[in-house]
Amino acid sequence: MPATHESIQSRIDELTEIKESARSGPDPAATERQHARGKLTAHERIALLLDKGSFNEVEPLRRHRASGFGLEHKKPYSDGVVTGWGTVHGRTVFVYAHDFRIFGGALGEAHAEKIHKVMDLAEAAGAPLVSLNDGAGARIQEGVSALAGYGGIFQRNTRASGVIPQISVMLGPCAGGAAYSPALTDFVFMVRETSQMFITGPDVVKAVTGEEITQNGLGGADVHAGTSGVAHFAYDDEEQCIEDVRYLLSLLPANNRELAPVVRSDDPADRLTDALLDLVPAEAGQAYDIRRVIDEIVDDGEYFEVHPAWAPNIVCALARLDGHVVGFVANQPAAMAGVLDIEASEKAARFVQFCDAFNIPLVTLVDVPGFLPGVDQEHSGIIRRGAKLLYAYCNATVPRISLVLRKAYGGAYIVMDSRSIGADLALAWPTNEIAVMGAEGAANVIFRREINAAADPDAVRAQKIKEYQDELMHPYYAAERGLIDDVIDPRETRSVLIRSLEMLRAKHAELPSRKHGNPPQ
């Protein structure tokens, strides 16, 4: 018996040594090089993401089976990716993290199969999936097997879309076809200087087009967060980035069959928001920051803005009202007067679709002068691309409340979750102006001949503008016709929204039976 016991203990010691070796990487110098680049190792990143001591690793002893091109002599455990599950704020989350110290995090057949495994587990368990990306793309030595591995990832990303939250955290390079996996997920986080994403790198760009550009200039964090819209968030360091991933997860349900966690707040549900009387100017053309309005309405003034650097003329944010998570979509008068353009429409449409997929009610704050005019917008497809926001709202079955703060003109009024496209409740402040267009433009169209023929055109124009405002743009015009459910005191905005959402919490709505819709592209 003692011999048997010693034999088992020997095997346990051997297993412990192997696992520790896998965690520490191929050699200490590799870890030092990773740190010298300003990057953490895969296990260090997972330790930041998950609750302490909660990580359960899957297939830590996996090794590739490839031979040739020197791979037969290099078969490290884990094969360059760490996979498993743990908890974030006590809730199950699945994760995979590329280990750049092993083959530069390049994806091979075994590497891909480990990722496929954890993706399948996440979908089966109904829990979020977080990928910590730091890889050099496909493993060239394994040829088409590596490419097929990416195909399996893309297929699973698509199958899990709208089923479980998927978050991509870019902590290193991501080039070629590998970049399409993050693009298929719900949220993309990036770290400045150390993470880049592009389909073709600077060398290829120079060879084909003659343009010279750096990796960060081509696909760095700020480029994708502010120009392309590929990334939702950009950070200066990994620690803050991963901390915000944890915060985002605290706002999301585990899957599409559950509701987001409720966190009770000491912020009274019936709190009056007196500051709103001064924050929003009565003059329709005067700018203000809509984020200050959101700040006054939500619990403890705390919200998490999505895509803050891209399409700033519209704000999308997750927040809580009386402890319940709500998605806010709001025109931003401080940027481009809050006008809707292609990028703003696409940004908001994507956010609306996400909230609808994961049972997060929507509150839309409306202060919009219309769609952005211009040859570039028309030629770039504002008709089909602007229609994405219209489609997203019309398709959404979660509780939806729209609130017109000030102006709401033309087609943009309709698109911003108006009553006519299915908002459950349409509210307005007494300062609202809902019309086909602004009074000055409308008067110039309707009374053009009369104005031009007048001895004093300016006086007649001013008179007609006032007539139009008095007849068709007064605050109660839409309410008198049933297009607005109520005109409310701005100070009561928070309490009205909370009571309304409580009423709608059990809302049940179904779309027609179909395989799927065909949204505008």
Protein backbone atom coordinates (compact mmCIF):
# COMPACT_ATOMS: atom_id res chain seq x y z
CA MET A 1 0.00 0.00 0.00
CA PRO A 2 2.71 2.60 0.87
CA ALA A 3 4.40 1.95 -2.47
CA THR A 4 1.14 2.51 -4.29
CA HIS A 5 0.59 5.68 -2.33
CA GLU A 6 4.07 6.93 -3.19
CA SER A 7 3.50 6.10 -6.87
CA ILE A 8 0.29 8.12 -6.96
CA GLN A 9 1.92 10.99 -5.13
CA SER A 10 4.77 10.91 -7.64
CA ARG A 11 2.30 11.19 -10.50
CA ILE A 12 0.52 14.07 -8.75
CA ASP A 13 3.83 15.86 -8.27
CA GLU A 14 4.65 15.30 -11.94
CA LEU A 15 1.24 16.69 -12.98
CA THR A 16 1.68 19.74 -10.77
CA GLU A 17 5.09 20.40 -12.27
CA ILE A 18 3.75 20.10 -15.82
CA LYS A 19 0.85 22.49 -15.14
CA GLU A 20 3.13 24.98 -13.44
CA SER A 21 5.49 24.79 -16.38
CA ALA A 22 2.62 25.50 -18.76
CA ARG A 23 1.57 28.55 -16.73
CA SER A 24 5.07 29.97 -16.54
CA GLY A 25 5.61 29.72 -20.31
CA PRO A 26 8.36 28.18 -22.42
CA ASP A 27 11.11 30.00 -20.51
CA PRO A 28 11.45 32.96 -18.12
CA ALA A 29 12.88 35.10 -20.90
CA ALA A 30 9.60 34.81 -22.83
CA THR A 31 7.70 36.22 -19.88
CA GLU A 32 10.23 39.01 -19.51
CA ARG A 33 9.82 39.90 -23.19
CA GLN A 34 6.05 39.98 -22.78
CA HIS A 35 6.32 42.33 -19.82
CA ALA A 36 8.88 44.47 -21.65
CA ARG A 37 6.26 45.07 -24.36
CA GLY A 38 3.96 46.46 -21.67
CA LYS A 39 1.78 43.36 -21.81
CA LEU A 40 0.64 40.83 -19.22
CA THR A 41 0.71 37.07 -19.69
CA ALA A 42 -2.43 35.07 -20.43
CA HIS A 43 -2.78 33.81 -16.84
CA GLU A 44 -2.15 37.29 -15.42
CA ARG A 45 -4.93 38.68 -17.59
CA ILE A 46 -7.34 35.95 -16.59
CA ALA A 47 -6.52 36.62 -12.93
CA LEU A 48 -7.51 40.28 -13.43
CA LEU A 49 -10.74 39.37 -15.19
CA LEU A 50 -12.09 36.66 -12.92
CA ASP A 51 -12.87 36.62 -9.23
CA LYS A 52 -9.89 35.49 -7.19
CA GLY A 53 -9.41 31.73 -7.16
CA SER A 54 -12.40 31.02 -9.41
CA PHE A 55 -10.62 29.97 -12.62
CA ASN A 56 -11.09 26.40 -13.84
CA GLU A 57 -8.81 25.63 -16.76
CA VAL A 58 -9.88 23.33 -19.59
CA GLU A 59 -7.37 21.22 -21.54
CA PRO A 60 -4.21 22.68 -20.00
CA LEU A 61 -2.24 19.64 -21.21
CA ARG A 62 -3.30 19.90 -24.86
CA ARG A 63 -0.45 19.82 -27.41
CA HIS A 64 -0.42 20.07 -31.19
CA ARG A 65 0.04 16.99 -33.38
CA ALA A 66 1.70 18.74 -36.31
CA SER A 67 5.03 17.59 -37.71
CA GLY A 68 7.51 19.22 -40.03
CA PHE A 69 8.88 22.75 -40.29
CA GLY A 70 10.39 22.33 -36.81
CA LEU A 71 7.08 21.87 -34.99
CA GLU A 72 7.85 18.23 -34.14
CA HIS A 73 10.51 19.49 -31.74
CA LYS A 74 8.29 22.16 -30.18
CA LYS A 75 5.20 20.79 -28.47
CA PRO A 76 4.51 23.00 -25.45
CA TYR A 77 1.53 22.32 -23.22
CA SER A 78 -1.56 24.51 -23.75
CA ASP A 79 -0.54 25.06 -27.41
CA GLY A 80 -0.60 28.82 -26.96
CA VAL A 81 -4.09 29.40 -25.60
CA VAL A 82 -5.52 29.20 -22.09
CA THR A 83 -9.21 28.28 -21.85
CA GLY A 84 -11.71 27.74 -19.07
CA TRP A 85 -14.31 29.36 -16.87
CA GLY A 86 -14.64 31.24 -13.60
CA THR A 87 -16.80 33.95 -12.09
CA VAL A 88 -17.09 37.73 -12.37
CA HIS A 89 -18.96 39.27 -9.44
CA GLY A 90 -20.01 35.74 -8.57
CA ARG A 91 -21.54 34.93 -11.98
CA THR A 92 -20.15 32.33 -14.40
CA VAL A 93 -18.09 33.63 -17.33
CA PHE A 94 -16.11 31.64 -19.91
CA VAL A 95 -12.78 32.89 -21.21
CA TYR A 96 -9.97 32.10 -23.59
CA ALA A 97 -6.67 33.96 -23.69
CA HIS A 98 -3.93 33.72 -26.30
CA ASP A 99 -0.47 33.12 -24.84
CA PHE A 100 1.85 35.21 -27.00
CA ARG A 101 4.88 33.52 -25.42
CA ILE A 102 4.03 30.31 -27.28
CA PHE A 103 4.24 30.54 -31.07
CA GLY A 104 3.31 34.22 -30.76
CA GLY A 105 -0.22 33.13 -29.86
CA ALA A 106 -0.66 31.85 -33.43
CA LEU A 107 -3.66 29.62 -34.01
CA GLY A 108 -3.15 26.00 -35.01
CA GLU A 109 -5.49 23.01 -35.13
CA ALA A 110 -5.25 22.02 -31.45
CA HIS A 111 -5.29 25.66 -30.39
CA ALA A 112 -8.52 26.21 -32.35
CA GLU A 113 -10.14 23.06 -30.98
CA LYS A 114 -9.57 24.32 -27.44
CA ILE A 115 -11.32 27.58 -28.33
CA HIS A 116 -14.16 25.69 -30.03
CA LYS A 117 -14.56 23.63 -26.86
CA VAL A 118 -14.89 26.62 -24.53
CA MET A 119 -17.23 28.42 -26.94
CA ASP A 120 -19.49 25.37 -27.04
CA LEU A 121 -19.43 25.16 -23.25
CA ALA A 122 -20.34 28.85 -22.92
CA GLU A 123 -23.32 28.46 -25.24
CA ALA A 124 -24.48 25.26 -23.52
CA ALA A 125 -24.13 26.78 -20.05
CA GLY A 126 -25.76 30.05 -21.11
CA ALA A 127 -22.92 32.23 -19.85
CA PRO A 128 -20.95 35.15 -21.35
CA LEU A 129 -17.75 34.54 -23.31
CA VAL A 130 -14.72 36.82 -23.09
CA SER A 131 -11.77 36.45 -25.46
CA LEU A 132 -8.42 37.97 -24.47
CA ASN A 133 -6.77 38.35 -27.87
CA ASP A 134 -3.01 38.53 -28.33
CA GLY A 135 -2.15 36.38 -31.33
CA ALA A 136 -0.17 36.53 -34.54
CA GLY A 137 -2.88 34.99 -36.71
CA ALA A 138 -2.89 31.57 -38.32
CA ARG A 139 0.02 29.22 -37.65
CA ILE A 140 1.67 29.08 -41.07
CA GLN A 141 3.33 25.71 -40.41
CA GLU A 142 -0.08 24.03 -40.06
CA GLY A 143 -1.45 25.40 -43.33
CA VAL A 144 -5.12 25.04 -44.12
CA SER A 145 -5.86 23.29 -40.81
CA ALA A 146 -5.26 26.61 -39.08
CA LEU A 147 -7.58 28.42 -41.48
CA ALA A 148 -10.30 25.84 -40.85
CA GLY A 149 -9.88 26.50 -37.14
CA TYR A 150 -10.82 30.15 -37.70
CA GLY A 151 -13.87 29.07 -39.65
CA GLY A 152 -15.06 27.09 -36.63
CA ILE A 153 -14.65 30.15 -34.42
CA PHE A 154 -16.58 32.40 -36.82
CA GLN A 155 -19.38 29.88 -37.08
CA ARG A 156 -19.69 29.70 -33.30
CA ASN A 157 -19.52 33.50 -32.92
CA THR A 158 -22.46 33.76 -35.28
CA ARG A 159 -24.46 30.96 -33.66
CA ALA A 160 -24.02 32.49 -30.20
CA SER A 161 -24.89 36.02 -31.39
CA GLY A 162 -27.90 37.24 -29.45
CA VAL A 163 -27.78 34.12 -27.27
CA ILE A 164 -24.90 34.92 -24.89
CA PRO A 165 -22.93 38.16 -24.54
CA GLN A 166 -19.60 37.97 -26.40
CA ILE A 167 -16.80 40.38 -25.55
CA SER A 168 -13.47 40.69 -27.38
CA VAL A 169 -10.54 42.28 -25.57
CA MET A 170 -7.70 43.19 -27.92
CA LEU A 171 -4.38 43.09 -26.04
CA GLY A 172 -1.97 42.53 -28.91
CA PRO A 173 -1.92 42.16 -32.69
CA CYS A 174 -4.88 40.77 -34.62
CA ALA A 175 -4.34 40.61 -38.37
CA GLY A 176 -5.94 39.06 -41.41
CA GLY A 177 -9.00 36.84 -41.13
CA ALA A 178 -8.53 36.63 -37.35
CA ALA A 179 -9.96 40.15 -37.07
CA TYR A 180 -13.38 38.93 -38.13
CA SER A 181 -14.02 37.09 -34.87
CA PRO A 182 -13.94 40.30 -32.78
CA ALA A 183 -16.06 42.00 -35.44
CA LEU A 184 -18.74 39.33 -34.90
CA THR A 185 -18.89 39.85 -31.13
CA ASP A 186 -20.98 42.33 -29.18
CA PHE A 187 -18.24 44.56 -27.75
CA VAL A 188 -14.59 45.18 -28.62
CA PHE A 189 -12.11 46.62 -26.11
CA MET A 190 -8.64 47.80 -27.18
CA VAL A 191 -5.46 49.01 -25.43
CA ARG A 192 -3.46 51.85 -26.94
CA GLU A 193 0.01 51.15 -28.37
CA THR A 194 -0.08 47.39 -27.74
CA SER A 195 -3.16 46.29 -29.71
CA GLN A 196 -3.82 46.61 -33.43
CA MET A 197 -6.39 45.18 -35.82
CA PHE A 198 -6.25 45.15 -39.61
CA ILE A 199 -7.00 42.85 -42.52
CA THR A 200 -3.81 43.74 -44.39
CA GLY A 201 -0.81 45.15 -42.56
CA PRO A 202 1.31 48.22 -43.35
CA ASP A 203 3.74 46.29 -45.57
CA VAL A 204 0.95 44.98 -47.78
CA VAL A 205 -0.71 48.39 -47.90
CA LYS A 206 2.54 49.97 -49.03
CA ALA A 207 3.16 47.28 -51.66
CA VAL A 208 -0.32 47.61 -53.14
CA THR A 209 -1.14 51.30 -52.76
CA GLY A 210 2.19 52.94 -52.04
CA GLU A 211 0.85 54.41 -48.80
CA GLU A 212 3.17 54.36 -45.81
CA ILE A 213 1.63 54.02 -42.37
CA THR A 214 2.46 52.55 -38.96
CA GLN A 215 0.61 49.66 -37.38
CA ASN A 216 -1.07 51.98 -34.88
CA GLY A 217 -1.87 54.49 -37.58
CA LEU A 218 -3.52 51.75 -39.62
CA GLY A 219 -5.34 49.79 -36.94
CA GLY A 220 -4.56 51.09 -33.46
CA ALA A 221 -7.00 51.54 -30.61
CA ASP A 222 -7.83 55.19 -31.27
CA VAL A 223 -8.27 54.58 -34.98
CA HIS A 224 -10.86 51.88 -34.38
CA ALA A 225 -12.52 53.63 -31.43
CA GLY A 226 -12.87 57.00 -33.17
CA THR A 227 -12.65 56.51 -36.94
CA SER A 228 -13.72 53.04 -38.07
CA GLY A 229 -16.08 52.25 -35.21
CA VAL A 230 -14.70 48.70 -34.96
CA ALA A 231 -13.75 49.14 -31.28
CA HIS A 232 -16.20 50.30 -28.65
CA PHE A 233 -13.64 51.27 -26.01
CA ALA A 234 -9.94 52.29 -25.88
CA TYR A 235 -7.68 52.37 -22.82
CA ASP A 236 -4.15 53.31 -21.85
CA ASP A 237 -3.43 50.10 -19.93
CA GLU A 238 -4.63 46.53 -19.60
CA GLU A 239 -5.64 46.82 -15.96
CA GLN A 240 -8.23 49.57 -16.53
CA CYS A 241 -9.42 47.87 -19.70
CA ILE A 242 -10.10 44.57 -17.96
CA GLU A 243 -11.67 46.32 -14.97
CA ASP A 244 -14.21 47.91 -17.33
CA VAL A 245 -14.88 44.51 -18.91
CA ARG A 246 -15.84 43.33 -15.43
CA TYR A 247 -18.08 46.37 -15.00
CA LEU A 248 -19.79 45.80 -18.35
CA LEU A 249 -20.44 42.16 -17.42
CA SER A 250 -22.14 43.34 -14.21
CA LEU A 251 -24.67 45.20 -16.38
CA LEU A 252 -25.49 42.28 -18.68
CA PRO A 253 -27.65 39.18 -18.31
CA ALA A 254 -25.94 35.81 -18.60
CA ASN A 255 -27.95 34.98 -21.72
CA ASN A 256 -31.00 35.93 -23.75
CA ARG A 257 -33.37 34.01 -21.47
CA GLU A 258 -32.52 36.03 -18.38
CA LEU A 259 -32.75 39.62 -17.21
CA ALA A 260 -29.77 41.74 -16.23
CA PRO A 261 -28.90 41.68 -12.52
CA VAL A 262 -30.83 44.10 -10.33
CA VAL A 263 -28.71 46.18 -7.93
CA ARG A 264 -30.74 48.18 -5.48
CA SER A 265 -29.73 51.80 -5.08
CA ASP A 266 -30.19 54.32 -2.31
CA ASP A 267 -31.06 56.88 -4.99
CA PRO A 268 -34.82 57.52 -4.45
CA ALA A 269 -37.06 56.47 -7.34
CA ASP A 270 -39.16 59.60 -6.86
CA ARG A 271 -36.21 62.00 -6.77
CA LEU A 272 -36.98 65.26 -8.54
CA THR A 273 -34.40 66.34 -11.14
CA ASP A 274 -34.55 70.11 -10.72
CA ALA A 275 -31.25 70.59 -12.58
CA LEU A 276 -32.93 69.56 -15.83
CA LEU A 277 -34.78 72.88 -15.95
CA ASP A 278 -31.47 74.62 -16.55
CA LEU A 279 -29.50 71.95 -18.43
CA VAL A 280 -31.63 71.99 -21.59
CA PRO A 281 -31.97 75.48 -23.13
CA ALA A 282 -35.40 76.43 -24.44
CA GLU A 283 -33.84 77.87 -27.60
CA ALA A 284 -33.86 75.04 -30.18
CA GLY A 285 -30.50 75.96 -31.71
CA GLN A 286 -28.51 76.22 -28.48
CA ALA A 287 -26.12 73.35 -27.71
CA TYR A 288 -25.85 71.37 -24.46
CA ASP A 289 -24.38 68.03 -23.38
CA ILE A 290 -27.02 65.27 -23.31
CA ARG A 291 -24.76 63.22 -21.04
CA ARG A 292 -25.51 65.67 -18.23
CA VAL A 293 -29.20 64.91 -18.70
CA ILE A 294 -28.55 61.17 -18.46
CA ASP A 295 -26.39 61.79 -15.42
CA GLU A 296 -29.30 63.51 -13.65
CA ILE A 297 -31.83 60.80 -14.49
CA VAL A 298 -30.02 57.52 -13.73
CA ASP A 299 -29.20 55.91 -10.39
CA ASP A 300 -26.39 57.75 -8.61
CA GLY A 301 -25.41 59.49 -11.86
CA GLU A 302 -23.61 56.35 -13.02
CA TYR A 303 -23.72 55.11 -16.60
CA PHE A 304 -21.46 53.23 -19.03
CA GLU A 305 -21.22 54.89 -22.44
CA VAL A 306 -20.71 52.66 -25.48
CA HIS A 307 -18.67 53.95 -28.46
CA PRO A 308 -17.98 57.32 -26.77
CA ALA A 309 -15.40 58.39 -29.38
CA TRP A 310 -17.25 57.30 -32.54
CA ALA A 311 -20.30 59.09 -33.97
CA PRO A 312 -20.43 61.50 -30.99
CA ASN A 313 -23.64 63.08 -32.30
CA ILE A 314 -25.53 60.22 -30.67
CA VAL A 315 -24.97 58.76 -27.22
CA CYS A 316 -25.58 55.11 -26.33
CA ALA A 317 -25.20 54.05 -22.71
CA LEU A 318 -26.12 51.38 -20.20
CA ALA A 319 -27.33 52.56 -16.81
CA ARG A 320 -29.71 51.64 -14.01
CA LEU A 321 -33.07 53.11 -13.09
CA ASP A 322 -34.26 51.99 -9.66
CA GLY A 323 -31.70 49.20 -9.84
CA HIS A 324 -32.81 47.83 -13.23
CA VAL A 325 -30.51 48.03 -16.27
CA VAL A 326 -31.75 50.27 -19.10
CA GLY A 327 -30.26 51.17 -22.48
CA PHE A 328 -30.25 54.88 -23.30
CA VAL A 329 -30.12 56.20 -26.87
CA ALA A 330 -29.90 59.98 -27.04
CA ASN A 331 -29.21 62.66 -29.66
CA GLN A 332 -26.21 64.79 -28.65
CA PRO A 333 -26.77 68.50 -29.42
CA ALA A 334 -23.18 69.22 -28.36
CA ALA A 335 -21.91 67.40 -31.48
CA MET A 336 -23.16 68.33 -34.95
CA ALA A 337 -26.32 69.68 -33.27
CA GLY A 338 -27.41 66.08 -32.65
CA VAL A 339 -28.16 65.46 -36.31
CA LEU A 340 -28.48 61.85 -37.50
CA ASP A 341 -25.94 60.72 -40.08
CA ILE A 342 -24.70 57.38 -41.35
CA GLU A 343 -22.36 56.62 -38.47
CA ALA A 344 -24.79 57.73 -35.77
CA SER A 345 -27.54 55.60 -37.32
CA GLU A 346 -25.35 52.51 -37.48
CA LYS A 347 -24.01 53.03 -33.95
CA ALA A 348 -27.47 53.37 -32.44
CA ALA A 349 -28.94 50.53 -34.52
CA ARG A 350 -26.31 48.10 -33.29
CA PHE A 351 -26.91 49.17 -29.68
CA VAL A 352 -30.70 48.87 -30.00
CA GLN A 353 -30.33 45.38 -31.46
CA PHE A 354 -28.05 44.33 -28.61
CA CYS A 355 -30.44 45.63 -25.94
CA ASP A 356 -33.38 43.94 -27.62
CA ALA A 357 -31.52 40.63 -27.87
CA PHE A 358 -30.70 40.64 -24.17
CA ASN A 359 -33.95 41.92 -22.67
CA ILE A 360 -32.70 45.39 -21.78
CA PRO A 361 -35.44 48.07 -21.97
CA LEU A 362 -34.79 51.13 -24.11
CA VAL A 363 -35.19 54.80 -23.24
CA THR A 364 -34.73 57.20 -26.17
CA LEU A 365 -34.05 60.87 -25.46
CA VAL A 366 -34.95 62.89 -28.56
CA ASP A 367 -33.57 66.27 -29.57
CA VAL A 368 -32.90 65.93 -33.29
CA PRO A 369 -32.98 68.50 -36.12
CA GLY A 370 -33.12 65.87 -38.86
CA PHE A 371 -30.79 63.79 -41.03
CA LEU A 372 -27.50 65.29 -42.17
CA PRO A 373 -27.82 66.66 -45.72
CA GLY A 374 -25.00 66.40 -48.21
CA VAL A 375 -23.76 64.72 -51.37
CA ASP A 376 -21.32 62.55 -49.43
CA GLN A 377 -24.06 61.24 -47.14
CA GLU A 378 -26.39 60.46 -50.04
CA HIS A 379 -23.69 58.79 -52.14
CA SER A 380 -22.48 56.79 -49.14
CA GLY A 381 -25.93 55.32 -48.70
CA ILE A 382 -27.67 57.19 -45.92
CA ILE A 383 -30.99 55.82 -47.17
CA ARG A 384 -30.10 52.16 -46.65
CA ARG A 385 -27.70 52.75 -43.76
CA GLY A 386 -29.96 55.19 -41.93
CA ALA A 387 -32.74 52.64 -42.33
CA LYS A 388 -30.77 50.30 -40.03
CA LEU A 389 -31.84 52.34 -37.02
CA LEU A 390 -35.45 52.37 -38.18
CA TYR A 391 -35.33 48.59 -38.68
CA ALA A 392 -33.73 48.00 -35.28
CA TYR A 393 -36.40 49.95 -33.43
CA CYS A 394 -39.30 48.48 -35.40
CA ASN A 395 -37.95 44.99 -34.72
CA ALA A 396 -37.39 45.50 -30.98
CA THR A 397 -39.84 43.86 -28.57
CA VAL A 398 -38.35 45.05 -25.26
CA PRO A 399 -40.08 47.86 -23.33
CA ARG A 400 -39.50 51.11 -25.26
CA ILE A 401 -40.05 54.66 -24.03
CA SER A 402 -39.26 57.76 -26.06
CA LEU A 403 -39.00 61.23 -24.58
CA VAL A 404 -38.84 64.38 -26.72
CA LEU A 405 -36.81 66.94 -24.79
CA ARG A 406 -36.87 69.75 -27.31
CA LYS A 407 -36.98 69.50 -31.11
CA ALA A 408 -37.89 66.49 -33.22
CA TYR A 409 -38.08 67.22 -36.93
CA GLY A 410 -38.88 65.24 -40.04
CA GLY A 411 -37.90 61.65 -40.68
CA ALA A 412 -35.43 61.76 -37.82
CA TYR A 413 -38.35 62.21 -35.40
CA ILE A 414 -39.98 59.07 -36.76
CA VAL A 415 -36.76 57.04 -36.64
CA MET A 416 -35.95 58.00 -33.03
CA ASP A 417 -38.48 55.50 -31.67
CA SER A 418 -41.59 57.55 -32.24
CA ARG A 419 -45.04 56.28 -31.30
CA SER A 420 -45.74 55.45 -34.94
CA ILE A 421 -42.95 52.83 -35.11
CA GLY A 422 -43.90 51.07 -31.91
CA ALA A 423 -42.70 52.93 -28.83
CA ASP A 424 -44.79 51.69 -25.90
CA LEU A 425 -44.90 55.15 -24.39
CA ALA A 426 -44.11 58.45 -26.08
CA LEU A 427 -43.51 61.34 -23.71
CA ALA A 428 -42.43 64.95 -24.14
CA TRP A 429 -41.30 67.95 -22.13
CA PRO A 430 -43.26 71.24 -22.46
CA THR A 431 -40.37 72.58 -24.55
CA ASN A 432 -40.97 70.05 -27.35
CA GLU A 433 -41.26 71.03 -30.99
CA ILE A 434 -42.43 68.12 -33.15
CA ALA A 435 -42.87 68.94 -36.81
CA VAL A 436 -41.96 68.05 -40.37
CA MET A 437 -39.23 70.70 -40.20
CA GLY A 438 -38.27 73.83 -38.30
CA ALA A 439 -40.68 76.75 -38.41
CA GLU A 440 -38.40 78.97 -40.50
CA GLY A 441 -37.86 76.34 -43.17
CA ALA A 442 -41.53 75.39 -43.21
CA ALA A 443 -42.65 79.02 -43.60
CA ASN A 444 -40.19 79.56 -46.46
CA VAL A 445 -41.68 76.56 -48.29
CA ILE A 446 -45.37 77.10 -47.61
CA PHE A 447 -45.48 80.88 -47.98
CA ARG A 448 -42.65 81.39 -50.45
CA ARG A 449 -44.70 83.30 -53.04
CA GLU A 450 -46.42 85.46 -50.45
CA ILE A 451 -43.11 86.35 -48.81
CA ASN A 452 -41.38 87.12 -52.10
CA ALA A 453 -44.25 89.31 -53.24
CA ALA A 454 -44.46 91.32 -50.02
CA ALA A 455 -43.20 94.88 -49.71
CA ASP A 456 -41.44 93.85 -46.51
CA PRO A 457 -40.46 90.17 -46.97
CA ASP A 458 -38.69 89.94 -43.60
CA ALA A 459 -41.74 91.13 -41.68
CA VAL A 460 -44.05 88.75 -43.54
CA ARG A 461 -41.59 85.88 -43.03
CA ALA A 462 -41.46 86.53 -39.29
CA GLN A 463 -45.26 86.64 -39.13
CA LYS A 464 -45.64 83.36 -41.03
CA ILE A 465 -42.99 81.65 -38.88
CA LYS A 466 -44.94 82.63 -35.77
CA GLU A 467 -48.20 81.42 -37.32
CA TYR A 468 -46.65 78.05 -38.13
CA GLN A 469 -45.22 77.75 -34.62
CA ASP A 470 -48.51 78.66 -32.98
CA GLU A 471 -50.61 76.33 -35.14
CA LEU A 472 -48.41 73.25 -35.72
CA MET A 473 -45.48 73.35 -33.32
CA HIS A 474 -46.97 74.17 -29.94
CA PRO A 475 -46.05 71.68 -27.18
CA TYR A 476 -49.46 70.00 -27.09
CA TYR A 477 -50.09 69.58 -30.82
CA ALA A 478 -48.79 66.00 -30.94
CA ALA A 479 -50.43 65.12 -27.62
CA GLU A 480 -53.81 66.39 -28.86
CA ARG A 481 -53.52 63.94 -31.75
CA GLY A 482 -52.49 60.95 -29.61
CA LEU A 483 -48.91 60.85 -30.89
CA ILE A 484 -47.58 61.78 -27.45
CA ASP A 485 -48.95 59.96 -24.39
CA ASP A 486 -48.15 62.73 -21.96
CA VAL A 487 -46.35 66.04 -21.62
CA ILE A 488 -44.42 65.85 -18.35
CA ASP A 489 -42.63 68.17 -15.97
CA PRO A 490 -38.88 67.77 -16.68
CA ARG A 491 -38.25 67.58 -12.94
CA GLU A 492 -40.33 64.38 -12.77
CA THR A 493 -38.50 62.65 -15.62
CA ARG A 494 -36.72 60.09 -13.43
CA SER A 495 -39.82 59.07 -11.49
CA VAL A 496 -42.02 58.91 -14.61
CA LEU A 497 -39.50 56.69 -16.42
CA ILE A 498 -39.16 54.36 -13.43
CA ARG A 499 -42.92 53.99 -12.99
CA SER A 500 -43.41 53.45 -16.71
CA LEU A 501 -40.70 50.81 -16.95
CA GLU A 502 -42.13 49.02 -13.92
CA MET A 503 -45.48 48.86 -15.68
CA LEU A 504 -43.84 47.52 -18.85
CA ARG A 505 -41.62 44.97 -17.10
CA ALA A 506 -43.96 42.08 -17.94
CA LYS A 507 -44.42 43.21 -21.55
CA HIS A 508 -44.92 40.35 -23.99
CA ALA A 509 -44.58 40.90 -27.72
CA GLU A 510 -43.93 38.52 -30.56
CA LEU A 511 -42.72 39.04 -34.12
CA PRO A 512 -44.30 37.16 -37.03
CA SER A 513 -43.06 33.61 -37.55
CA ARG A 514 -40.02 33.75 -39.83
CA LYS A 515 -36.53 32.39 -40.16
CA HIS A 516 -35.07 35.88 -39.79
CA GLY A 517 -35.54 39.35 -41.18
CA ASN A 518 -33.48 40.92 -43.93
CA PRO A 519 -32.20 44.18 -42.43
CA PRO A 520 -30.88 46.96 -44.65
CA GLN A 521 -27.14 46.69 -45.26
